[in-house]
């Protein structure tokens, strides 16, 4: 068994709060490691975490931020609340530029993710064997408007994944093509200001 992390993480919007402690890329802070910040910041104040990469001004430009747990897990069973407070790209953001929940992360090209978009939910897998290094596993409704909190539960045992959002089953999926056996839990965004709170890993 891999180590089990037990914590409750409360994340709120910090914006330009001068007391925000910004984490340099590659540094470790308690149970978290800042992988990259997209020329913006990941930061902490007490038990508070926020991710905001640099604002993208051109269609071909993307900035992303990622924080992952220092511990790894084979069986995943965790809960959190997440919301996207602002999509930063101007004038037109992309639907996927929101808060992503990440698990079984081993490097930036190997992990599963759930994105709650204003056009619906998306379950996916970063996989370099696929064009663009990304495999879309499942998508669907309902939609998740910008600014609202949503409760997310993710469960994975072996290759079987199940997700609930706001206490409603959203998707069950079994990855039968090179399933990832384990890795870190992460919080990720592209071109958005995102918040997470009440993250619990049993």
C-alpha atoms as a PDB file:
ATOM      1  CA  UNK A   1       0.000   0.000   0.000  1.00  0.00           C
ATOM      2  CA  UNK A   2       1.164   3.507  -0.785  1.00  0.00           C
ATOM      3  CA  UNK A   3       1.088   6.160   1.963  1.00  0.00           C
ATOM      4  CA  UNK A   4      -2.317   7.582   2.799  1.00  0.00           C
ATOM      5  CA  UNK A   5      -2.661  11.314   3.199  1.00  0.00           C
ATOM      6  CA  UNK A   6      -5.341  12.558   5.573  1.00  0.00           C
ATOM      7  CA  UNK A   7      -6.073  16.230   5.388  1.00  0.00           C
ATOM      8  CA  UNK A   8      -8.741  18.810   4.931  1.00  0.00           C
ATOM      9  CA  UNK A   9      -7.759  21.580   2.561  1.00  0.00           C
ATOM     10  CA  UNK A  10      -9.778  24.770   2.541  1.00  0.00           C
ATOM     11  CA  UNK A  11      -9.253  26.936  -0.488  1.00  0.00           C
ATOM     12  CA  UNK A  12     -10.727  30.362  -1.003  1.00  0.00           C
ATOM     13  CA  UNK A  13     -10.164  33.196  -3.416  1.00  0.00           C
ATOM     14  CA  UNK A  14      -7.151  35.281  -2.474  1.00  0.00           C
ATOM     15  CA  UNK A  15      -6.912  37.485  -5.558  1.00  0.00           C
ATOM     16  CA  UNK A  16      -4.168  40.067  -5.022  1.00  0.00           C
ATOM     17  CA  UNK A  17      -3.988  39.599  -1.231  1.00  0.00           C
ATOM     18  CA  UNK A  18      -0.506  40.901  -0.267  1.00  0.00           C
ATOM     19  CA  UNK A  19      -0.202  38.271   2.480  1.00  0.00           C
ATOM     20  CA  UNK A  20      -0.378  35.423  -0.055  1.00  0.00           C
ATOM     21  CA  UNK A  21       2.749  33.250   0.092  1.00  0.00           C
ATOM     22  CA  UNK A  22       3.666  32.420  -3.506  1.00  0.00           C
ATOM     23  CA  UNK A  23       5.312  29.092  -4.201  1.00  0.00           C
ATOM     24  CA  UNK A  24       8.219  28.963  -6.655  1.00  0.00           C
ATOM     25  CA  UNK A  25       7.962  26.194  -9.221  1.00  0.00           C
ATOM     26  CA  UNK A  26       9.394  22.893  -8.032  1.00  0.00           C
ATOM     27  CA  UNK A  27       9.135  23.687  -4.321  1.00  0.00           C
ATOM     28  CA  UNK A  28       7.434  21.568  -1.663  1.00  0.00           C
ATOM     29  CA  UNK A  29       5.141  22.992   1.009  1.00  0.00           C
ATOM     30  CA  UNK A  30       3.827  20.471   3.518  1.00  0.00           C
ATOM     31  CA  UNK A  31       1.845  17.834   1.610  1.00  0.00           C
ATOM     32  CA  UNK A  32       1.945  19.778  -1.702  1.00  0.00           C
ATOM     33  CA  UNK A  33       4.448  20.386  -4.483  1.00  0.00           C
ATOM     34  CA  UNK A  34       4.153  23.251  -6.949  1.00  0.00           C
ATOM     35  CA  UNK A  35       4.919  21.691 -10.326  1.00  0.00           C
ATOM     36  CA  UNK A  36       4.442  24.841 -12.423  1.00  0.00           C
ATOM     37  CA  UNK A  37       2.583  28.138 -12.180  1.00  0.00           C
ATOM     38  CA  UNK A  38       2.233  29.278 -15.786  1.00  0.00           C
ATOM     39  CA  UNK A  39       4.033  32.575 -15.131  1.00  0.00           C
ATOM     40  CA  UNK A  40       1.364  33.374 -12.564  1.00  0.00           C
ATOM     41  CA  UNK A  41       1.235  31.840  -9.115  1.00  0.00           C
ATOM     42  CA  UNK A  42       0.239  29.036  -6.857  1.00  0.00           C
ATOM     43  CA  UNK A  43       0.088  30.134  -3.268  1.00  0.00           C
ATOM     44  CA  UNK A  44      -0.788  29.415   0.339  1.00  0.00           C
ATOM     45  CA  UNK A  45      -1.971  31.297   3.390  1.00  0.00           C
ATOM     46  CA  UNK A  46      -2.515  29.060   6.389  1.00  0.00           C
ATOM     47  CA  UNK A  47      -4.753  26.298   5.050  1.00  0.00           C
ATOM     48  CA  UNK A  48      -5.642  28.227   1.896  1.00  0.00           C
ATOM     49  CA  UNK A  49      -4.537  27.408  -1.676  1.00  0.00           C
ATOM     50  CA  UNK A  50      -5.188  29.163  -4.998  1.00  0.00           C
ATOM     51  CA  UNK A  51      -3.973  28.739  -8.594  1.00  0.00           C
ATOM     52  CA  UNK A  52      -3.864  31.516 -11.164  1.00  0.00           C
ATOM     53  CA  UNK A  53      -1.584  31.346 -14.224  1.00  0.00           C
ATOM     54  CA  UNK A  54      -0.731  34.355 -16.348  1.00  0.00           C
ATOM     55  CA  UNK A  55      -3.568  35.754 -18.450  1.00  0.00           C
ATOM     56  CA  UNK A  56      -3.380  34.640 -22.110  1.00  0.00           C
ATOM     57  CA  UNK A  57      -3.971  37.384 -24.665  1.00  0.00           C
ATOM     58  CA  UNK A  58      -3.506  35.480 -27.942  1.00  0.00           C
ATOM     59  CA  UNK A  59      -5.431  32.422 -29.238  1.00  0.00           C
ATOM     60  CA  UNK A  60      -2.250  30.361 -29.657  1.00  0.00           C
ATOM     61  CA  UNK A  61      -1.020  31.139 -26.133  1.00  0.00           C
ATOM     62  CA  UNK A  62      -1.773  28.994 -23.068  1.00  0.00           C
ATOM     63  CA  UNK A  63      -0.664  29.233 -19.452  1.00  0.00           C
ATOM     64  CA  UNK A  64      -1.294  26.514 -16.865  1.00  0.00           C
ATOM     65  CA  UNK A  65      -0.720  25.903 -13.149  1.00  0.00           C
ATOM     66  CA  UNK A  66      -0.445  22.604 -11.296  1.00  0.00           C
ATOM     67  CA  UNK A  67      -0.007  21.540  -7.671  1.00  0.00           C
ATOM     68  CA  UNK A  68       0.241  17.847  -6.730  1.00  0.00           C
ATOM     69  CA  UNK A  69       0.363  15.862  -3.502  1.00  0.00           C
ATOM     70  CA  UNK A  70       3.764  14.680  -2.342  1.00  0.00           C
ATOM     71  CA  UNK A  71       2.257  11.272  -1.555  1.00  0.00           C
ATOM     72  CA  UNK A  72       0.980   8.767  -4.117  1.00  0.00           C
ATOM     73  CA  UNK A  73      -2.017   6.432  -4.053  1.00  0.00           C
ATOM     74  CA  UNK A  74      -3.160   3.301  -5.814  1.00  0.00           C
ATOM     75  CA  UNK A  75      -6.756   3.313  -4.606  1.00  0.00           C
ATOM     76  CA  UNK A  76      -8.347   6.742  -4.927  1.00  0.00           C
ATOM     77  CA  UNK A  77     -11.327   7.847  -2.826  1.00  0.00           C
ATOM     78  CA  UNK A  78     -11.401  11.586  -2.293  1.00  0.00           C
ATOM     79  CA  UNK A  79     -13.806  14.498  -2.052  1.00  0.00           C
ATOM     80  CA  UNK A  80     -13.530  18.236  -2.548  1.00  0.00           C
ATOM     81  CA  UNK A  81     -15.372  21.353  -3.540  1.00  0.00           C
ATOM     82  CA  UNK A  82     -14.185  23.220  -6.618  1.00  0.00           C
ATOM     83  CA  UNK A  83     -15.100  26.279  -8.588  1.00  0.00           C
ATOM     84  CA  UNK A  84     -13.745  28.490 -11.337  1.00  0.00           C
ATOM     85  CA  UNK A  85     -14.066  32.132 -10.349  1.00  0.00           C
ATOM     86  CA  UNK A  86     -12.834  33.634 -13.620  1.00  0.00           C
ATOM     87  CA  UNK A  87     -11.723  32.503 -17.067  1.00  0.00           C
ATOM     88  CA  UNK A  88      -8.742  34.724 -17.808  1.00  0.00           C
ATOM     89  CA  UNK A  89      -8.386  34.544 -21.590  1.00  0.00           C
ATOM     90  CA  UNK A  90      -9.671  37.612 -23.416  1.00  0.00           C
ATOM     91  CA  UNK A  91     -11.758  38.237 -25.375  1.00  0.00           C
ATOM     92  CA  UNK A  92     -13.086  34.659 -25.741  1.00  0.00           C
ATOM     93  CA  UNK A  93     -12.149  31.911 -23.238  1.00  0.00           C
ATOM     94  CA  UNK A  94     -12.178  28.226 -24.132  1.00  0.00           C
ATOM     95  CA  UNK A  95     -14.673  25.964 -22.364  1.00  0.00           C
ATOM     96  CA  UNK A  96     -11.935  23.783 -20.822  1.00  0.00           C
ATOM     97  CA  UNK A  97     -10.202  26.720 -19.137  1.00  0.00           C
ATOM     98  CA  UNK A  98     -11.581  25.872 -15.701  1.00  0.00           C
ATOM     99  CA  UNK A  99     -10.676  23.988 -12.516  1.00  0.00           C
ATOM    100  CA  UNK A 100      -9.468  20.425 -13.130  1.00  0.00           C
ATOM    101  CA  UNK A 101      -9.223  17.680 -10.520  1.00  0.00           C
ATOM    102  CA  UNK A 102      -6.273  15.369 -11.235  1.00  0.00           C
ATOM    103  CA  UNK A 103      -5.305  11.919  -9.930  1.00  0.00           C
ATOM    104  CA  UNK A 104      -2.847   9.097 -10.661  1.00  0.00           C
ATOM    105  CA  UNK A 105      -0.402  11.817 -11.706  1.00  0.00           C
ATOM    106  CA  UNK A 106       3.185  10.680 -12.344  1.00  0.00           C
ATOM    107  CA  UNK A 107       4.322  13.431 -14.746  1.00  0.00           C
ATOM    108  CA  UNK A 108       2.715  16.150 -16.906  1.00  0.00           C
ATOM    109  CA  UNK A 109       1.828  13.599 -19.616  1.00  0.00           C
ATOM    110  CA  UNK A 110       0.437  10.817 -17.415  1.00  0.00           C
ATOM    111  CA  UNK A 111      -2.677  11.412 -15.290  1.00  0.00           C
ATOM    112  CA  UNK A 112      -6.479  11.256 -15.219  1.00  0.00           C
ATOM    113  CA  UNK A 113      -8.589  14.379 -14.860  1.00  0.00           C
ATOM    114  CA  UNK A 114     -12.111  15.706 -14.409  1.00  0.00           C
ATOM    115  CA  UNK A 115     -12.984  19.178 -15.720  1.00  0.00           C
ATOM    116  CA  UNK A 116     -16.254  20.902 -14.806  1.00  0.00           C
ATOM    117  CA  UNK A 117     -16.907  23.176 -17.790  1.00  0.00           C
ATOM    118  CA  UNK A 118     -19.652  25.713 -18.561  1.00  0.00           C
ATOM    119  CA  UNK A 119     -20.584  23.336 -21.414  1.00  0.00           C
ATOM    120  CA  UNK A 120     -20.595  20.119 -19.343  1.00  0.00           C
ATOM    121  CA  UNK A 121     -18.226  17.699 -17.617  1.00  0.00           C
ATOM    122  CA  UNK A 122     -15.201  15.983 -19.145  1.00  0.00           C
ATOM    123  CA  UNK A 123     -13.346  12.883 -17.951  1.00  0.00           C
ATOM    124  CA  UNK A 124      -9.986  12.491 -19.618  1.00  0.00           C
ATOM    125  CA  UNK A 125      -6.510  11.037 -19.567  1.00  0.00           C
ATOM    126  CA  UNK A 126      -3.211  12.615 -20.487  1.00  0.00           C
ATOM    127  CA  UNK A 127      -1.575   9.905 -22.600  1.00  0.00           C
ATOM    128  CA  UNK A 128       1.354  10.539 -24.991  1.00  0.00           C
ATOM    129  CA  UNK A 129       0.268   7.532 -27.083  1.00  0.00           C
ATOM    130  CA  UNK A 130      -2.650   9.650 -28.385  1.00  0.00           C
ATOM    131  CA  UNK A 131      -2.565  12.653 -30.753  1.00  0.00           C
ATOM    132  CA  UNK A 132      -2.025  15.749 -28.674  1.00  0.00           C
ATOM    133  CA  UNK A 133      -1.114  13.485 -25.722  1.00  0.00           C
ATOM    134  CA  UNK A 134      -4.756  13.596 -24.590  1.00  0.00           C
ATOM    135  CA  UNK A 135      -7.512  10.976 -24.586  1.00  0.00           C
ATOM    136  CA  UNK A 136     -11.133  11.963 -23.976  1.00  0.00           C
ATOM    137  CA  UNK A 137     -12.743   9.159 -21.969  1.00  0.00           C
ATOM    138  CA  UNK A 138     -16.279  10.528 -21.498  1.00  0.00           C
ATOM    139  CA  UNK A 139     -18.234  13.788 -21.614  1.00  0.00           C
ATOM    140  CA  UNK A 140     -21.753  14.835 -20.729  1.00  0.00           C
ATOM    141  CA  UNK A 141     -24.198  17.177 -19.025  1.00  0.00           C
ATOM    142  CA  UNK A 142     -25.141  19.041 -16.842  1.00  0.00           C
ATOM    143  CA  UNK A 143     -23.282  22.312 -17.286  1.00  0.00           C
ATOM    144  CA  UNK A 144     -21.212  23.933 -14.535  1.00  0.00           C
ATOM    145  CA  UNK A 145     -21.462  27.750 -14.614  1.00  0.00           C
ATOM    146  CA  UNK A 146     -18.491  29.907 -13.723  1.00  0.00           C
ATOM    147  CA  UNK A 147     -18.506  31.092 -10.111  1.00  0.00           C
ATOM    148  CA  UNK A 148     -20.449  28.272  -8.440  1.00  0.00           C
ATOM    149  CA  UNK A 149     -19.088  25.750  -5.944  1.00  0.00           C
ATOM    150  CA  UNK A 150     -19.497  22.072  -6.828  1.00  0.00           C
ATOM    151  CA  UNK A 151     -18.898  19.003  -4.658  1.00  0.00           C
ATOM    152  CA  UNK A 152     -16.768  16.403  -6.416  1.00  0.00           C
ATOM    153  CA  UNK A 153     -16.116  12.779  -5.427  1.00  0.00           C
ATOM    154  CA  UNK A 154     -13.642  10.621  -7.323  1.00  0.00           C
ATOM    155  CA  UNK A 155     -13.188   6.892  -6.780  1.00  0.00           C
ATOM    156  CA  UNK A 156     -10.762   4.589  -8.575  1.00  0.00           C
ATOM    157  CA  UNK A 157      -9.916   0.976  -7.797  1.00  0.00           C
ATOM    158  CA  UNK A 158      -7.779  -0.749 -10.379  1.00  0.00           C
ATOM    159  CA  UNK A 159      -8.949   0.515 -13.770  1.00  0.00           C
ATOM    160  CA  UNK A 160     -12.512   1.328 -12.625  1.00  0.00           C
ATOM    161  CA  UNK A 161     -13.321   5.029 -12.193  1.00  0.00           C
ATOM    162  CA  UNK A 162     -16.510   6.581 -10.839  1.00  0.00           C
ATOM    163  CA  UNK A 163     -17.316  10.251 -10.297  1.00  0.00           C
ATOM    164  CA  UNK A 164     -20.095  12.076  -8.463  1.00  0.00           C
ATOM    165  CA  UNK A 165     -20.776  15.803  -8.632  1.00  0.00           C
ATOM    166  CA  UNK A 166     -23.130  17.570  -6.234  1.00  0.00           C
ATOM    167  CA  UNK A 167     -24.157  14.179  -4.801  1.00  0.00           C
ATOM    168  CA  UNK A 168     -25.261  12.900  -8.220  1.00  0.00           C
ATOM    169  CA  UNK A 169     -23.545  10.043 -10.115  1.00  0.00           C
ATOM    170  CA  UNK A 170     -21.942  11.510 -13.234  1.00  0.00           C
ATOM    171  CA  UNK A 171     -19.875   8.781 -14.875  1.00  0.00           C
ATOM    172  CA  UNK A 172     -18.525   5.275 -14.391  1.00  0.00           C
ATOM    173  CA  UNK A 173     -15.697   4.255 -16.698  1.00  0.00           C
ATOM    174  CA  UNK A 174     -13.212   1.378 -16.897  1.00  0.00           C
ATOM    175  CA  UNK A 175      -9.925   2.203 -18.601  1.00  0.00           C
ATOM    176  CA  UNK A 176      -9.026  -0.880 -20.618  1.00  0.00           C
ATOM    177  CA  UNK A 177      -6.135   0.696 -22.488  1.00  0.00           C
ATOM    178  CA  UNK A 178      -2.928   1.050 -20.468  1.00  0.00           C
ATOM    179  CA  UNK A 179      -4.621   2.086 -17.193  1.00  0.00           C
ATOM    180  CA  UNK A 180      -2.469   4.042 -14.791  1.00  0.00           C
ATOM    181  CA  UNK A 181      -1.947   2.080 -11.551  1.00  0.00           C
ATOM    182  CA  UNK A 182      -1.345   5.006  -9.202  1.00  0.00           C
ATOM    183  CA  UNK A 183       0.121   8.424  -8.595  1.00  0.00           C
ATOM    184  CA  UNK A 184      -0.444  11.758  -6.913  1.00  0.00           C
ATOM    185  CA  UNK A 185      -3.631  13.782  -6.571  1.00  0.00           C
ATOM    186  CA  UNK A 186      -3.471  17.226  -8.164  1.00  0.00           C
ATOM    187  CA  UNK A 187      -5.204  20.558  -8.720  1.00  0.00           C
ATOM    188  CA  UNK A 188      -4.801  22.085 -12.175  1.00  0.00           C
ATOM    189  CA  UNK A 189      -5.996  24.897 -14.394  1.00  0.00           C
ATOM    190  CA  UNK A 190      -5.389  26.487 -17.759  1.00  0.00           C
ATOM    191  CA  UNK A 191      -6.023  30.217 -18.167  1.00  0.00           C
ATOM    192  CA  UNK A 192      -8.378  30.518 -15.196  1.00  0.00           C
ATOM    193  CA  UNK A 193      -8.476  31.575 -11.552  1.00  0.00           C
ATOM    194  CA  UNK A 194      -9.622  28.512  -9.597  1.00  0.00           C
ATOM    195  CA  UNK A 195     -10.442  27.642  -6.005  1.00  0.00           C
ATOM    196  CA  UNK A 196     -10.790  24.403  -4.063  1.00  0.00           C
ATOM    197  CA  UNK A 197     -11.916  23.688  -0.514  1.00  0.00           C
ATOM    198  CA  UNK A 198     -12.751  20.839   1.874  1.00  0.00           C
ATOM    199  CA  UNK A 199     -10.501  18.376   0.099  1.00  0.00           C
ATOM    200  CA  UNK A 200     -10.474  15.069   1.975  1.00  0.00           C
ATOM    201  CA  UNK A 201      -8.361  12.010   1.283  1.00  0.00           C
ATOM    202  CA  UNK A 202      -9.174   9.071   3.599  1.00  0.00           C
END
